Amino acid sequence: MKDNDMTMTTTMNTTALEQDTIKHAVRQRYGRVATNAASGCGCAPSCCGTDTAAGTATSDPAALAQRLGYSTSDTAAAPDGSNLGLGCGNPLGLASLKPGQTVLDLGSGAGFDAFLAARAVGPTGRVIGVDMTPEMISKARNHQAEGDYGHVEFRLGEIESLPVADGTVDVILSNCVINLSPDKGRVFREAFRVLKPGGRLAISDIVALAPIPEARRRDWELYTGCVAGAAEVSEVKRLLAEAGFQNIRVEPKARSREVLQDWFPGQGLENSVASATIEAVKSDQ
């Protein structure tokens, strides 16, 4: 079955078969992104945007990252090729990482945020990246081996079933990945499980500002482009609370409108979805 021929129902209550289909197709697409990154833009819309200042198309991941809140020193510090331009924000800006902490990056891709987190936690800290795409894990591990990153590791696994022990993580990062999961409640329950008491979420993701029409929910390009699978703000808050989190904050960012316009020009998606910061805490009691 060709990707362009695929349609699927992407409601929050998908069947097990539908969930497997979604995961398989997302894995295929981002596997191609990892494989094709060396030749320029992959296939995710966020790496094929437009430089609105210049009015020209760009596939420069560093420029895109800086539009999303990273500094020039951030993009210069990460290993070449680790930034694939796939994010929708800067979760490290929320994380306030400290030396010695253990950090988990959900959907770590080629390792961009994980390597920046490693710089923040220092050699006494630890960073674990989890991604379900073998090509991404291989790419990240190559970067890890080539640099001075003995306190960073990358594990193949799904964010709905994390290969991480209970109560071992101080801070969880994620950048534009949880929207792709067909079972977001399970993602948040797993996050709660692996966090230490007092541990925190620091997430950048796409959220829906209003119900997404079913026709768009079924649009394969929109789903893998981090749009059609987005949950509404109220749904994200509910799922986090049900998982056990406290001090929940979900804040859509108005400045993301221009980025979303670039992802899918002329479709008006910036009126129904937005990049948001998502923060929550696991009680230390």
C-alpha atoms as a PDB file:
ATOM      1  CA  MET A   1       0.000   0.000   0.000  1.00  0.00           C
ATOM      2  CA  LYS A   2       1.450   3.370  -0.985  1.00  0.00           C
ATOM      3  CA  ASP A   3       1.545   6.145   1.627  1.00  0.00           C
ATOM      4  CA  ASN A   4      -0.454   8.472  -0.600  1.00  0.00           C
ATOM      5  CA  ASP A   5      -3.245   5.904  -0.824  1.00  0.00           C
ATOM      6  CA  MET A   6      -3.639   5.540   2.926  1.00  0.00           C
ATOM      7  CA  THR A   7      -6.583   6.938   4.837  1.00  0.00           C
ATOM      8  CA  MET A   8      -7.343   6.362   8.479  1.00  0.00           C
ATOM      9  CA  THR A   9      -9.583   7.488  11.262  1.00  0.00           C
ATOM     10  CA  THR A  10      -7.481   9.436  13.767  1.00  0.00           C
ATOM     11  CA  THR A  11      -9.940   9.940  16.569  1.00  0.00           C
ATOM     12  CA  MET A  12      -8.691   9.693  20.126  1.00  0.00           C
ATOM     13  CA  ASN A  13     -10.333   6.259  20.505  1.00  0.00           C
ATOM     14  CA  THR A  14      -8.592   4.216  17.826  1.00  0.00           C
ATOM     15  CA  THR A  15      -8.605   0.445  17.710  1.00  0.00           C
ATOM     16  CA  ALA A  16      -5.449  -1.586  18.293  1.00  0.00           C
ATOM     17  CA  LEU A  17      -5.199  -2.291  14.550  1.00  0.00           C
ATOM     18  CA  GLU A  18      -5.547   1.388  13.698  1.00  0.00           C
ATOM     19  CA  GLN A  19      -2.903   2.269  16.280  1.00  0.00           C
ATOM     20  CA  ASP A  20      -0.488  -0.235  14.755  1.00  0.00           C
ATOM     21  CA  THR A  21      -1.190   1.141  11.286  1.00  0.00           C
ATOM     22  CA  ILE A  22      -0.513   4.689  12.417  1.00  0.00           C
ATOM     23  CA  LYS A  23       2.725   3.738  14.169  1.00  0.00           C
ATOM     24  CA  HIS A  24       3.957   1.747  11.188  1.00  0.00           C
ATOM     25  CA  ALA A  25       3.294   4.570   8.756  1.00  0.00           C
ATOM     26  CA  VAL A  26       4.845   7.246  11.009  1.00  0.00           C
ATOM     27  CA  ARG A  27       7.897   5.016  11.453  1.00  0.00           C
ATOM     28  CA  GLN A  28       8.225   4.649   7.684  1.00  0.00           C
ATOM     29  CA  ARG A  29       7.967   8.355   7.032  1.00  0.00           C
ATOM     30  CA  TYR A  30      10.479   9.456   9.643  1.00  0.00           C
ATOM     31  CA  GLY A  31      12.780   6.634   8.636  1.00  0.00           C
ATOM     32  CA  ARG A  32      12.900   8.264   5.239  1.00  0.00           C
ATOM     33  CA  VAL A  33      13.563  11.642   6.846  1.00  0.00           C
ATOM     34  CA  ALA A  34      16.596  10.182   8.636  1.00  0.00           C
ATOM     35  CA  THR A  35      17.843   8.449   5.504  1.00  0.00           C
ATOM     36  CA  ASN A  36      17.356  11.430   3.207  1.00  0.00           C
ATOM     37  CA  ALA A  37      18.585  14.137   5.575  1.00  0.00           C
ATOM     38  CA  ALA A  38      22.063  14.166   4.042  1.00  0.00           C
ATOM     39  CA  SER A  39      20.583  15.238   0.701  1.00  0.00           C
ATOM     40  CA  GLY A  40      18.622  18.145   2.125  1.00  0.00           C
ATOM     41  CA  CYS A  41      15.078  18.415   3.350  1.00  0.00           C
ATOM     42  CA  GLY A  42      13.400  15.163   4.254  1.00  0.00           C
ATOM     43  CA  CYS A  43       9.651  14.786   3.973  1.00  0.00           C
ATOM     44  CA  ALA A  44       8.360  16.461   7.144  1.00  0.00           C
ATOM     45  CA  PRO A  45       6.771  19.852   6.453  1.00  0.00           C
ATOM     46  CA  SER A  46       8.683  21.588   9.239  1.00  0.00           C
ATOM     47  CA  CYS A  47      11.944  21.106   7.350  1.00  0.00           C
ATOM     48  CA  CYS A  48      10.466  22.442   4.129  1.00  0.00           C
ATOM     49  CA  GLY A  49       9.271  25.819   5.260  1.00  0.00           C
ATOM     50  CA  THR A  50       9.670  29.328   3.953  1.00  0.00           C
ATOM     51  CA  ASP A  51      11.930  32.009   5.304  1.00  0.00           C
ATOM     52  CA  THR A  52       9.274  34.660   5.800  1.00  0.00           C
ATOM     53  CA  ALA A  53      11.851  37.417   6.179  1.00  0.00           C
ATOM     54  CA  ALA A  54      13.377  36.615   2.810  1.00  0.00           C
ATOM     55  CA  GLY A  55      10.243  35.216   1.187  1.00  0.00           C
ATOM     56  CA  THR A  56      12.118  32.185  -0.127  1.00  0.00           C
ATOM     57  CA  ALA A  57      11.968  28.479   0.531  1.00  0.00           C
ATOM     58  CA  THR A  58      14.506  27.136   2.968  1.00  0.00           C
ATOM     59  CA  SER A  59      15.653  23.738   4.182  1.00  0.00           C
ATOM     60  CA  ASP A  60      18.204  25.119   6.648  1.00  0.00           C
ATOM     61  CA  PRO A  61      17.489  23.327   9.956  1.00  0.00           C
ATOM     62  CA  ALA A  62      19.534  25.860  11.946  1.00  0.00           C
ATOM     63  CA  ALA A  63      17.460  28.784  10.657  1.00  0.00           C
ATOM     64  CA  LEU A  64      14.247  26.914  11.363  1.00  0.00           C
ATOM     65  CA  ALA A  65      15.393  26.017  14.893  1.00  0.00           C
ATOM     66  CA  GLN A  66      16.216  29.645  15.597  1.00  0.00           C
ATOM     67  CA  ARG A  67      12.720  30.665  14.509  1.00  0.00           C
ATOM     68  CA  LEU A  68      11.398  28.185  17.088  1.00  0.00           C
ATOM     69  CA  GLY A  69      13.376  29.639  19.987  1.00  0.00           C
ATOM     70  CA  TYR A  70      16.825  28.077  19.890  1.00  0.00           C
ATOM     71  CA  SER A  71      19.878  30.318  20.025  1.00  0.00           C
ATOM     72  CA  THR A  72      22.689  30.393  17.510  1.00  0.00           C
ATOM     73  CA  SER A  73      24.936  28.872  20.170  1.00  0.00           C
ATOM     74  CA  ASP A  74      22.461  25.981  20.530  1.00  0.00           C
ATOM     75  CA  THR A  75      22.465  25.164  16.844  1.00  0.00           C
ATOM     76  CA  ALA A  76      26.247  25.502  16.691  1.00  0.00           C
ATOM     77  CA  ALA A  77      26.831  23.279  19.735  1.00  0.00           C
ATOM     78  CA  ALA A  78      24.879  20.225  18.560  1.00  0.00           C
ATOM     79  CA  PRO A  79      26.599  17.684  16.285  1.00  0.00           C
ATOM     80  CA  ASP A  80      26.234  18.329  12.571  1.00  0.00           C
ATOM     81  CA  GLY A  81      23.259  16.406  11.244  1.00  0.00           C
ATOM     82  CA  SER A  82      21.520  15.982  14.598  1.00  0.00           C
ATOM     83  CA  ASN A  83      19.147  18.878  13.914  1.00  0.00           C
ATOM     84  CA  LEU A  84      16.741  17.746  11.198  1.00  0.00           C
ATOM     85  CA  GLY A  85      14.404  20.721  11.559  1.00  0.00           C
ATOM     86  CA  LEU A  86      11.531  18.592  12.853  1.00  0.00           C
ATOM     87  CA  GLY A  87      10.575  20.493  16.008  1.00  0.00           C
ATOM     88  CA  CYS A  88       7.799  22.963  16.779  1.00  0.00           C
ATOM     89  CA  GLY A  89       9.391  24.726  19.751  1.00  0.00           C
ATOM     90  CA  ASN A  90      12.274  24.610  22.211  1.00  0.00           C
ATOM     91  CA  PRO A  91      11.475  22.370  25.202  1.00  0.00           C
ATOM     92  CA  LEU A  92      14.875  23.066  26.747  1.00  0.00           C
ATOM     93  CA  GLY A  93      13.719  26.619  27.311  1.00  0.00           C
ATOM     94  CA  LEU A  94      11.191  25.202  29.785  1.00  0.00           C
ATOM     95  CA  ALA A  95      13.346  22.537  31.352  1.00  0.00           C
ATOM     96  CA  SER A  96      15.759  24.590  33.523  1.00  0.00           C
ATOM     97  CA  LEU A  97      18.114  21.626  33.547  1.00  0.00           C
ATOM     98  CA  LYS A  98      20.744  21.300  36.259  1.00  0.00           C
ATOM     99  CA  PRO A  99      24.060  19.436  36.438  1.00  0.00           C
ATOM    100  CA  GLY A 100      23.662  15.833  37.541  1.00  0.00           C
ATOM    101  CA  GLN A 101      20.042  15.391  36.440  1.00  0.00           C
ATOM    102  CA  THR A 102      18.721  12.468  34.407  1.00  0.00           C
ATOM    103  CA  VAL A 103      16.798  13.588  31.322  1.00  0.00           C
ATOM    104  CA  LEU A 104      14.577  11.555  29.006  1.00  0.00           C
ATOM    105  CA  ASP A 105      13.832  12.781  25.470  1.00  0.00           C
ATOM    106  CA  LEU A 106      10.657  11.274  23.986  1.00  0.00           C
ATOM    107  CA  GLY A 107      10.953  10.859  20.228  1.00  0.00           C
ATOM    108  CA  SER A 108      14.587  11.887  20.234  1.00  0.00           C
ATOM    109  CA  GLY A 109      15.122  11.635  16.470  1.00  0.00           C
ATOM    110  CA  ALA A 110      18.717  12.263  15.448  1.00  0.00           C
ATOM    111  CA  GLY A 111      19.501  13.567  18.934  1.00  0.00           C
ATOM    112  CA  PHE A 112      19.402  17.375  18.675  1.00  0.00           C
ATOM    113  CA  ASP A 113      17.610  18.077  21.980  1.00  0.00           C
ATOM    114  CA  ALA A 114      19.325  15.174  23.719  1.00  0.00           C
ATOM    115  CA  PHE A 115      22.770  16.538  22.910  1.00  0.00           C
ATOM    116  CA  LEU A 116      21.807  20.027  24.066  1.00  0.00           C
ATOM    117  CA  ALA A 117      20.431  18.527  27.288  1.00  0.00           C
ATOM    118  CA  ALA A 118      23.710  16.667  27.767  1.00  0.00           C
ATOM    119  CA  ARG A 119      25.549  19.969  27.718  1.00  0.00           C
ATOM    120  CA  ALA A 120      23.229  21.309  30.432  1.00  0.00           C
ATOM    121  CA  VAL A 121      23.372  18.329  32.824  1.00  0.00           C
ATOM    122  CA  GLY A 122      27.121  17.872  32.414  1.00  0.00           C
ATOM    123  CA  PRO A 123      29.199  14.718  32.778  1.00  0.00           C
ATOM    124  CA  THR A 124      27.613  13.888  36.143  1.00  0.00           C
ATOM    125  CA  GLY A 125      24.165  13.821  34.518  1.00  0.00           C
ATOM    126  CA  ARG A 126      22.594  11.398  32.097  1.00  0.00           C
ATOM    127  CA  VAL A 127      20.464  11.725  28.981  1.00  0.00           C
ATOM    128  CA  ILE A 128      18.335   8.964  27.453  1.00  0.00           C
ATOM    129  CA  GLY A 129      16.728   9.357  24.042  1.00  0.00           C
ATOM    130  CA  VAL A 130      13.908   7.040  22.989  1.00  0.00           C
ATOM    131  CA  ASP A 131      12.693   6.770  19.399  1.00  0.00           C
ATOM    132  CA  MET A 132      10.728   4.092  17.552  1.00  0.00           C
ATOM    133  CA  THR A 133      12.472   4.619  14.218  1.00  0.00           C
ATOM    134  CA  PRO A 134      15.578   2.440  13.742  1.00  0.00           C
ATOM    135  CA  GLU A 135      17.088   4.840  11.210  1.00  0.00           C
ATOM    136  CA  MET A 136      16.827   7.723  13.677  1.00  0.00           C
ATOM    137  CA  ILE A 137      18.373   5.679  16.478  1.00  0.00           C
ATOM    138  CA  SER A 138      21.248   4.664  14.213  1.00  0.00           C
ATOM    139  CA  LYS A 139      21.839   8.270  13.196  1.00  0.00           C
ATOM    140  CA  ALA A 140      21.767   9.495  16.805  1.00  0.00           C
ATOM    141  CA  ARG A 141      24.124   6.736  17.964  1.00  0.00           C
ATOM    142  CA  ASN A 142      26.585   7.645  15.239  1.00  0.00           C
ATOM    143  CA  HIS A 143      26.609  11.247  16.465  1.00  0.00           C
ATOM    144  CA  GLN A 144      27.007  10.031  20.046  1.00  0.00           C
ATOM    145  CA  ALA A 145      29.971   7.830  19.135  1.00  0.00           C
ATOM    146  CA  GLU A 146      31.697  10.576  17.183  1.00  0.00           C
ATOM    147  CA  GLY A 147      31.489  13.139  19.989  1.00  0.00           C
ATOM    148  CA  ASP A 148      32.231  13.370  23.691  1.00  0.00           C
ATOM    149  CA  TYR A 149      28.851  12.071  24.823  1.00  0.00           C
ATOM    150  CA  GLY A 150      29.578   9.191  27.159  1.00  0.00           C
ATOM    151  CA  HIS A 151      26.613  10.178  29.341  1.00  0.00           C
ATOM    152  CA  VAL A 152      24.107  10.005  26.468  1.00  0.00           C
ATOM    153  CA  GLU A 153      22.401   6.882  25.138  1.00  0.00           C
ATOM    154  CA  PHE A 154      19.667   6.172  22.620  1.00  0.00           C
ATOM    155  CA  ARG A 155      17.155   3.351  22.979  1.00  0.00           C
ATOM    156  CA  LEU A 156      14.838   1.923  20.355  1.00  0.00           C
ATOM    157  CA  GLY A 157      11.295   1.885  21.709  1.00  0.00           C
ATOM    158  CA  GLU A 158       7.820   3.385  21.645  1.00  0.00           C
ATOM    159  CA  ILE A 159       6.805   6.306  23.818  1.00  0.00           C
ATOM    160  CA  GLU A 160       3.653   4.370  24.757  1.00  0.00           C
ATOM    161  CA  SER A 161       5.848   1.650  26.285  1.00  0.00           C
ATOM    162  CA  LEU A 162       9.090   3.216  27.423  1.00  0.00           C
ATOM    163  CA  PRO A 163      12.232   1.079  27.832  1.00  0.00           C
ATOM    164  CA  VAL A 164      13.038   2.985  31.030  1.00  0.00           C
ATOM    165  CA  ALA A 165      12.861   1.888  34.681  1.00  0.00           C
ATOM    166  CA  ASP A 166      10.308   3.267  37.137  1.00  0.00           C
ATOM    167  CA  GLY A 167      11.152   6.468  38.998  1.00  0.00           C
ATOM    168  CA  THR A 168      14.541   7.117  37.413  1.00  0.00           C
ATOM    169  CA  VAL A 169      14.108  10.388  35.463  1.00  0.00           C
ATOM    170  CA  ASP A 170      14.210  14.009  36.675  1.00  0.00           C
ATOM    171  CA  VAL A 171      12.950  15.781  33.548  1.00  0.00           C
ATOM    172  CA  ILE A 172      11.173  14.572  30.410  1.00  0.00           C
ATOM    173  CA  LEU A 173      11.586  16.523  27.175  1.00  0.00           C
ATOM    174  CA  SER A 174       9.688  16.071  23.916  1.00  0.00           C
ATOM    175  CA  ASN A 175       9.501  18.146  20.780  1.00  0.00           C
ATOM    176  CA  CYS A 176       6.555  17.793  18.393  1.00  0.00           C
ATOM    177  CA  VAL A 177       6.192  14.037  18.861  1.00  0.00           C
ATOM    178  CA  ILE A 178       3.305  13.239  21.226  1.00  0.00           C
ATOM    179  CA  ASN A 179       0.772  14.580  18.709  1.00  0.00           C
ATOM    180  CA  LEU A 180       1.778  11.647  16.475  1.00  0.00           C
ATOM    181  CA  SER A 181       0.814   9.055  19.094  1.00  0.00           C
ATOM    182  CA  PRO A 182      -2.596   7.390  18.697  1.00  0.00           C
ATOM    183  CA  ASP A 183      -2.715   6.777  22.478  1.00  0.00           C
ATOM    184  CA  LYS A 184      -1.649   9.971  24.215  1.00  0.00           C
ATOM    185  CA  GLY A 185      -3.102   8.896  27.553  1.00  0.00           C
ATOM    186  CA  ARG A 186      -0.741   5.946  27.628  1.00  0.00           C
ATOM    187  CA  VAL A 187       2.197   8.214  26.750  1.00  0.00           C
ATOM    188  CA  PHE A 188       1.458  10.409  29.758  1.00  0.00           C
ATOM    189  CA  ARG A 189       0.969   7.399  32.052  1.00  0.00           C
ATOM    190  CA  GLU A 190       4.342   6.042  30.961  1.00  0.00           C
ATOM    191  CA  ALA A 191       5.929   9.448  31.513  1.00  0.00           C
ATOM    192  CA  PHE A 192       4.475   9.536  35.021  1.00  0.00           C
ATOM    193  CA  ARG A 193       5.791   6.032  35.728  1.00  0.00           C
ATOM    194  CA  VAL A 194       9.415   6.752  34.833  1.00  0.00           C
ATOM    195  CA  LEU A 195       9.637  10.146  36.550  1.00  0.00           C
ATOM    196  CA  LYS A 196      11.023  10.449  40.031  1.00  0.00           C
ATOM    197  CA  PRO A 197       8.803  12.063  42.683  1.00  0.00           C
ATOM    198  CA  GLY A 198       9.002  15.771  41.936  1.00  0.00           C
ATOM    199  CA  GLY A 199       9.972  15.085  38.328  1.00  0.00           C
ATOM    200  CA  ARG A 200       8.751  17.358  35.543  1.00  0.00           C
ATOM    201  CA  LEU A 201       7.524  17.426  31.953  1.00  0.00           C
ATOM    202  CA  ALA A 202       8.887  20.110  29.598  1.00  0.00           C
ATOM    203  CA  ILE A 203       7.252  19.576  26.221  1.00  0.00           C
ATOM    204  CA  SER A 204       6.760  21.485  22.981  1.00  0.00           C
ATOM    205  CA  ASP A 205       3.975  20.058  20.855  1.00  0.00           C
ATOM    206  CA  ILE A 206       1.108  20.829  18.510  1.00  0.00           C
ATOM    207  CA  VAL A 207      -2.345  21.164  20.087  1.00  0.00           C
ATOM    208  CA  ALA A 208      -5.765  21.733  18.533  1.00  0.00           C
ATOM    209  CA  LEU A 209      -7.483  25.027  19.283  1.00  0.00           C
ATOM    210  CA  ALA A 210     -10.841  23.657  18.077  1.00  0.00           C
ATOM    211  CA  PRO A 211     -12.164  20.276  16.935  1.00  0.00           C
ATOM    212  CA  ILE A 212     -10.343  19.157  13.783  1.00  0.00           C
ATOM    213  CA  PRO A 213     -12.824  18.192  11.025  1.00  0.00           C
ATOM    214  CA  GLU A 214     -12.982  14.489  10.261  1.00  0.00           C
ATOM    215  CA  ALA A 215     -11.850  15.045   6.675  1.00  0.00           C
ATOM    216  CA  ARG A 216      -8.624  16.542   7.961  1.00  0.00           C
ATOM    217  CA  ARG A 217      -8.270  13.848  10.602  1.00  0.00           C
ATOM    218  CA  ARG A 218      -8.218  11.382   7.707  1.00  0.00           C
ATOM    219  CA  ASP A 219      -5.618  13.309   5.711  1.00  0.00           C
ATOM    220  CA  TRP A 220      -2.432  11.293   5.836  1.00  0.00           C
ATOM    221  CA  GLU A 221      -0.098  14.185   5.050  1.00  0.00           C
ATOM    222  CA  LEU A 222      -1.640  16.272   7.806  1.00  0.00           C
ATOM    223  CA  TYR A 223      -1.367  13.454  10.324  1.00  0.00           C
ATOM    224  CA  THR A 224       2.307  12.714   9.762  1.00  0.00           C
ATOM    225  CA  GLY A 225       2.891  16.462   9.447  1.00  0.00           C
ATOM    226  CA  CYS A 226       2.042  16.807  13.173  1.00  0.00           C
ATOM    227  CA  VAL A 227      -1.378  18.416  12.647  1.00  0.00           C
ATOM    228  CA  ALA A 228      -4.291  15.997  12.266  1.00  0.00           C
ATOM    229  CA  GLY A 229      -3.418  13.923  15.336  1.00  0.00           C
ATOM    230  CA  ALA A 230      -3.247  16.915  17.676  1.00  0.00           C
ATOM    231  CA  ALA A 231      -5.459  16.809  20.765  1.00  0.00           C
ATOM    232  CA  GLU A 232      -7.391  19.820  22.005  1.00  0.00           C
ATOM    233  CA  VAL A 233      -5.941  21.762  24.942  1.00  0.00           C
ATOM    234  CA  SER A 234      -8.686  20.550  27.276  1.00  0.00           C
ATOM    235  CA  GLU A 235      -8.018  16.949  26.257  1.00  0.00           C
ATOM    236  CA  VAL A 236      -4.280  17.269  26.929  1.00  0.00           C
ATOM    237  CA  LYS A 237      -4.988  18.689  30.382  1.00  0.00           C
ATOM    238  CA  ARG A 238      -7.489  15.924  31.140  1.00  0.00           C
ATOM    239  CA  LEU A 239      -5.111  13.153  30.081  1.00  0.00           C
ATOM    240  CA  LEU A 240      -2.275  14.616  32.133  1.00  0.00           C
ATOM    241  CA  ALA A 241      -4.485  14.864  35.212  1.00  0.00           C
ATOM    242  CA  GLU A 242      -5.743  11.305  34.754  1.00  0.00           C
ATOM    243  CA  ALA A 243      -2.129  10.121  34.573  1.00  0.00           C
ATOM    244  CA  GLY A 244      -1.513  11.715  37.987  1.00  0.00           C
ATOM    245  CA  PHE A 245       0.237  14.968  37.087  1.00  0.00           C
ATOM    246  CA  GLN A 246      -0.189  18.230  38.960  1.00  0.00           C
ATOM    247  CA  ASN A 247       0.590  21.904  38.219  1.00  0.00           C
ATOM    248  CA  ILE A 248      -0.497  21.355  34.624  1.00  0.00           C
ATOM    249  CA  ARG A 249       0.057  24.191  32.149  1.00  0.00           C
ATOM    250  CA  VAL A 250      -0.707  24.068  28.419  1.00  0.00           C
ATOM    251  CA  GLU A 251      -0.011  27.374  26.688  1.00  0.00           C
ATOM    252  CA  PRO A 252      -0.495  27.779  22.916  1.00  0.00           C
ATOM    253  CA  LYS A 253       1.995  30.180  21.349  1.00  0.00           C
ATOM    254  CA  ALA A 254       0.644  32.869  19.051  1.00  0.00           C
ATOM    255  CA  ARG A 255       4.009  33.251  17.338  1.00  0.00           C
ATOM    256  CA  SER A 256       3.687  29.718  15.954  1.00  0.00           C
ATOM    257  CA  ARG A 257       1.134  30.926  13.379  1.00  0.00           C
ATOM    258  CA  GLU A 258       3.804  31.897  10.854  1.00  0.00           C
ATOM    259  CA  VAL A 259       5.575  28.560  11.189  1.00  0.00           C
ATOM    260  CA  LEU A 260       2.325  26.640  10.701  1.00  0.00           C
ATOM    261  CA  GLN A 261       1.481  28.749   7.665  1.00  0.00           C
ATOM    262  CA  ASP A 262       4.773  27.615   6.169  1.00  0.00           C
ATOM    263  CA  TRP A 263       4.128  23.955   6.895  1.00  0.00           C
ATOM    264  CA  PHE A 264       0.932  23.808   4.829  1.00  0.00           C
ATOM    265  CA  PRO A 265       0.548  27.079   2.899  1.00  0.00           C
ATOM    266  CA  GLY A 266      -2.932  28.248   2.063  1.00  0.00           C
ATOM    267  CA  GLN A 267      -4.802  25.683   4.167  1.00  0.00           C
ATOM    268  CA  GLY A 268      -5.586  27.911   7.142  1.00  0.00           C
ATOM    269  CA  LEU A 269      -4.316  25.359   9.642  1.00  0.00           C
ATOM    270  CA  GLU A 270      -2.806  28.101  11.784  1.00  0.00           C
ATOM    271  CA  ASN A 271      -6.393  28.939  12.800  1.00  0.00           C
ATOM    272  CA  SER A 272      -7.121  25.486  14.224  1.00  0.00           C
ATOM    273  CA  VAL A 273      -3.798  24.287  15.665  1.00  0.00           C
ATOM    274  CA  ALA A 274      -0.849  25.887  17.425  1.00  0.00           C
ATOM    275  CA  SER A 275       2.490  25.037  18.905  1.00  0.00           C
ATOM    276  CA  ALA A 276       2.200  24.937  22.686  1.00  0.00           C
ATOM    277  CA  THR A 277       4.332  24.530  25.766  1.00  0.00           C
ATOM    278  CA  ILE A 278       3.174  21.710  28.033  1.00  0.00           C
ATOM    279  CA  GLU A 279       4.384  21.547  31.631  1.00  0.00           C
ATOM    280  CA  ALA A 280       3.387  19.292  34.503  1.00  0.00           C
ATOM    281  CA  VAL A 281       4.848  17.883  37.726  1.00  0.00           C
ATOM    282  CA  LYS A 282       4.760  14.515  39.462  1.00  0.00           C
ATOM    283  CA  SER A 283       4.071  15.093  43.134  1.00  0.00           C
ATOM    284  CA  ASP A 284       6.986  14.445  45.473  1.00  0.00           C
ATOM    285  CA  GLN A 285       4.643  12.972  48.089  1.00  0.00           C
END
